[in-house]
């Protein structure tokens, strides 16, 4: 079982002590699981050392952590079973990339990690569900933004 964290995108508040504590608890309950941190800074050995210390301080077995920088995010998702989301700040666009590639993005993922058949069903149907969701309704989103701009303008113009 391979889990991954969204890329921090230069926003360190996403990789905080609360997040690592919960991820450590999830990894501890799943003896076969690995945590993959895939983002540019994780290719740097001093950054890796710093994060390994931070992970260990928050209960994560750093021996089960892979730090890397994959040049192609979609290829990087190929060996990921579940993407663990950060909190209180989510992983942003990385979550959409993962969903598009059929990788469920979850904050607390143990239930799916111990149910391989359920996870397989979830992954098999992910792209269809995503395509049918409001998140992929570009035209509807544009109409909503246009309406908001119109409302703001009318309030500003006093009409």
Protein backbone atom coordinates (compact mmCIF):
# COMPACT_ATOMS: atom_id res chain seq x y z
CA UNK A 1 0.00 0.00 0.00
CA UNK A 2 1.51 3.31 -1.02
CA UNK A 3 0.10 6.55 0.28
CA UNK A 4 1.28 9.96 -0.73
CA UNK A 5 1.03 13.50 0.47
CA UNK A 6 0.17 16.40 -1.78
CA UNK A 7 3.06 18.59 -2.80
CA UNK A 8 3.59 21.42 -0.33
CA UNK A 9 3.89 23.96 -3.20
CA UNK A 10 6.10 26.11 -1.03
CA UNK A 11 3.38 26.30 1.61
CA UNK A 12 4.82 24.71 4.72
CA UNK A 13 1.59 25.11 6.70
CA UNK A 14 0.32 22.10 4.77
CA UNK A 15 3.01 19.87 6.28
CA UNK A 16 2.52 20.54 9.96
CA UNK A 17 2.77 18.62 13.22
CA UNK A 18 -0.96 17.78 13.31
CA UNK A 19 -0.88 16.38 9.79
CA UNK A 20 2.24 14.29 10.41
CA UNK A 21 0.85 13.01 13.72
CA UNK A 22 -2.30 11.69 11.99
CA UNK A 23 -0.34 10.30 9.04
CA UNK A 24 1.97 8.58 11.52
CA UNK A 25 -1.05 6.95 13.18
CA UNK A 26 -2.39 5.81 9.81
CA UNK A 27 0.97 4.38 8.73
CA UNK A 28 1.45 2.66 12.11
CA UNK A 29 -1.85 0.80 11.67
CA UNK A 30 -0.92 -0.35 8.17
CA UNK A 31 2.32 -2.34 8.42
CA UNK A 32 2.71 -2.66 4.64
CA UNK A 33 2.12 1.04 3.91
CA UNK A 34 4.72 3.52 2.76
CA UNK A 35 4.40 7.30 2.73
CA UNK A 36 5.68 8.97 -0.44
CA UNK A 37 6.50 12.68 -0.32
CA UNK A 38 6.87 13.71 -3.97
CA UNK A 39 7.85 17.34 -4.57
CA UNK A 40 10.92 19.27 -5.70
CA UNK A 41 12.37 20.07 -2.26
CA UNK A 42 12.28 16.38 -1.33
CA UNK A 43 15.03 15.67 -3.88
CA UNK A 44 17.39 17.76 -1.72
CA UNK A 45 19.29 15.67 0.90
CA UNK A 46 19.38 18.40 3.61
CA UNK A 47 15.61 18.91 3.18
CA UNK A 48 15.12 15.15 3.43
CA UNK A 49 17.13 15.01 6.66
CA UNK A 50 15.15 17.88 8.14
CA UNK A 51 11.81 16.29 7.27
CA UNK A 52 12.91 12.86 8.49
CA UNK A 53 13.70 14.40 11.90
CA UNK A 54 10.38 16.24 11.90
CA UNK A 55 8.50 13.06 10.91
CA UNK A 56 10.20 11.01 13.63
CA UNK A 57 9.36 13.68 16.22
CA UNK A 58 5.70 13.28 15.26
CA UNK A 59 5.46 9.51 15.31
CA UNK A 60 6.14 8.65 11.69
CA UNK A 61 8.56 5.80 11.06
CA UNK A 62 10.85 7.66 8.65
CA UNK A 63 12.18 4.32 7.37
CA UNK A 64 8.82 3.87 5.66
CA UNK A 65 8.95 7.28 3.99
CA UNK A 66 10.11 7.77 0.41
CA UNK A 67 11.09 11.32 -0.54
CA UNK A 68 11.44 12.11 -4.20
CA UNK A 69 10.78 14.55 -7.01
CA UNK A 70 9.04 13.02 -9.98
CA UNK A 71 9.33 15.24 -13.08
CA UNK A 72 5.88 14.16 -14.32
CA UNK A 73 3.17 14.38 -11.65
CA UNK A 74 0.91 11.96 -13.52
CA UNK A 75 3.66 9.35 -13.72
CA UNK A 76 4.39 10.02 -10.06
CA UNK A 77 0.82 9.06 -9.19
CA UNK A 78 1.14 5.67 -10.90
CA UNK A 79 2.49 3.93 -7.78
CA UNK A 80 0.17 5.70 -5.32
CA UNK A 81 -2.88 3.89 -3.94
CA UNK A 82 -4.30 6.68 -1.76
CA UNK A 83 -3.40 10.35 -1.53
CA UNK A 84 -3.51 11.55 2.06
CA UNK A 85 -4.76 15.11 2.16
CA UNK A 86 -3.27 17.75 4.42
CA UNK A 87 -5.26 19.65 6.99
CA UNK A 88 -6.34 22.24 7.91
CA UNK A 89 -5.14 23.37 4.46
CA UNK A 90 -5.88 20.94 1.64
CA UNK A 91 -3.50 19.98 -1.12
CA UNK A 92 -5.20 22.15 -3.76
CA UNK A 93 -4.78 21.27 -7.42
CA UNK A 94 -2.74 18.18 -6.56
CA UNK A 95 -5.96 16.64 -5.29
CA UNK A 96 -7.62 17.14 -8.67
CA UNK A 97 -4.62 15.60 -10.45
CA UNK A 98 -4.86 12.58 -8.17
CA UNK A 99 -8.61 12.18 -8.63
CA UNK A 100 -8.26 12.49 -12.39
CA UNK A 101 -5.70 9.69 -12.33
CA UNK A 102 -8.04 7.49 -10.27
CA UNK A 103 -6.26 7.99 -6.96
CA UNK A 104 -8.66 8.70 -4.10
CA UNK A 105 -7.68 11.66 -1.96
CA UNK A 106 -8.61 11.20 1.67
CA UNK A 107 -7.83 12.93 4.93
CA UNK A 108 -8.23 9.85 7.14
CA UNK A 109 -7.69 6.84 4.85
CA UNK A 110 -7.45 3.71 6.99
CA UNK A 111 -10.87 2.28 6.06
CA UNK A 112 -10.00 2.22 2.37
CA UNK A 113 -6.45 1.05 3.00
CA UNK A 114 -7.65 -2.12 4.72
CA UNK A 115 -10.34 -2.81 2.08
CA UNK A 116 -8.46 -3.51 -1.19
CA UNK A 117 -11.65 -4.55 -3.04
CA UNK A 118 -13.46 -1.38 -1.99
CA UNK A 119 -10.44 0.69 -2.97
CA UNK A 120 -10.30 -1.04 -6.37
CA UNK A 121 -14.00 -0.26 -6.98
CA UNK A 122 -13.49 3.35 -5.88
CA UNK A 123 -10.51 3.79 -8.20
CA UNK A 124 -12.17 2.13 -11.19
CA UNK A 125 -15.04 4.62 -11.15
CA UNK A 126 -13.16 7.75 -10.08
CA UNK A 127 -12.78 9.48 -13.46
CA UNK A 128 -16.44 8.94 -14.42
CA UNK A 129 -17.62 10.37 -11.09
CA UNK A 130 -15.23 13.27 -11.36
CA UNK A 131 -16.36 14.06 -14.92
CA UNK A 132 -19.99 14.08 -13.76
CA UNK A 133 -19.27 16.30 -10.74
CA UNK A 134 -19.77 20.08 -10.50
CA UNK A 135 -15.99 20.43 -10.19
CA UNK A 136 -15.67 19.63 -13.90
CA UNK A 137 -18.52 21.91 -15.04
CA UNK A 138 -16.41 24.69 -16.54
CA UNK A 139 -19.36 26.42 -18.20
CA UNK A 140 -21.37 26.38 -14.97
CA UNK A 141 -18.40 27.73 -13.05
CA UNK A 142 -17.93 30.54 -15.60
CA UNK A 143 -21.64 31.46 -15.34
CA UNK A 144 -21.32 31.61 -11.56
CA UNK A 145 -18.23 33.83 -11.73
CA UNK A 146 -19.91 36.11 -14.29
CA UNK A 147 -22.95 36.40 -12.03
CA UNK A 148 -20.75 37.25 -9.04
CA UNK A 149 -18.92 39.92 -11.05
CA UNK A 150 -22.25 41.36 -12.19
CA UNK A 151 -23.51 41.51 -8.60
CA UNK A 152 -20.29 43.16 -7.41
CA UNK A 153 -20.39 45.70 -10.23
CA UNK A 154 -24.04 46.53 -9.63
CA UNK A 155 -23.39 47.02 -5.92
CA UNK A 156 -20.40 49.26 -6.72
CA UNK A 157 -22.31 51.22 -9.37
CA UNK A 158 -25.36 51.56 -7.15
CA UNK A 159 -27.72 50.08 -9.75
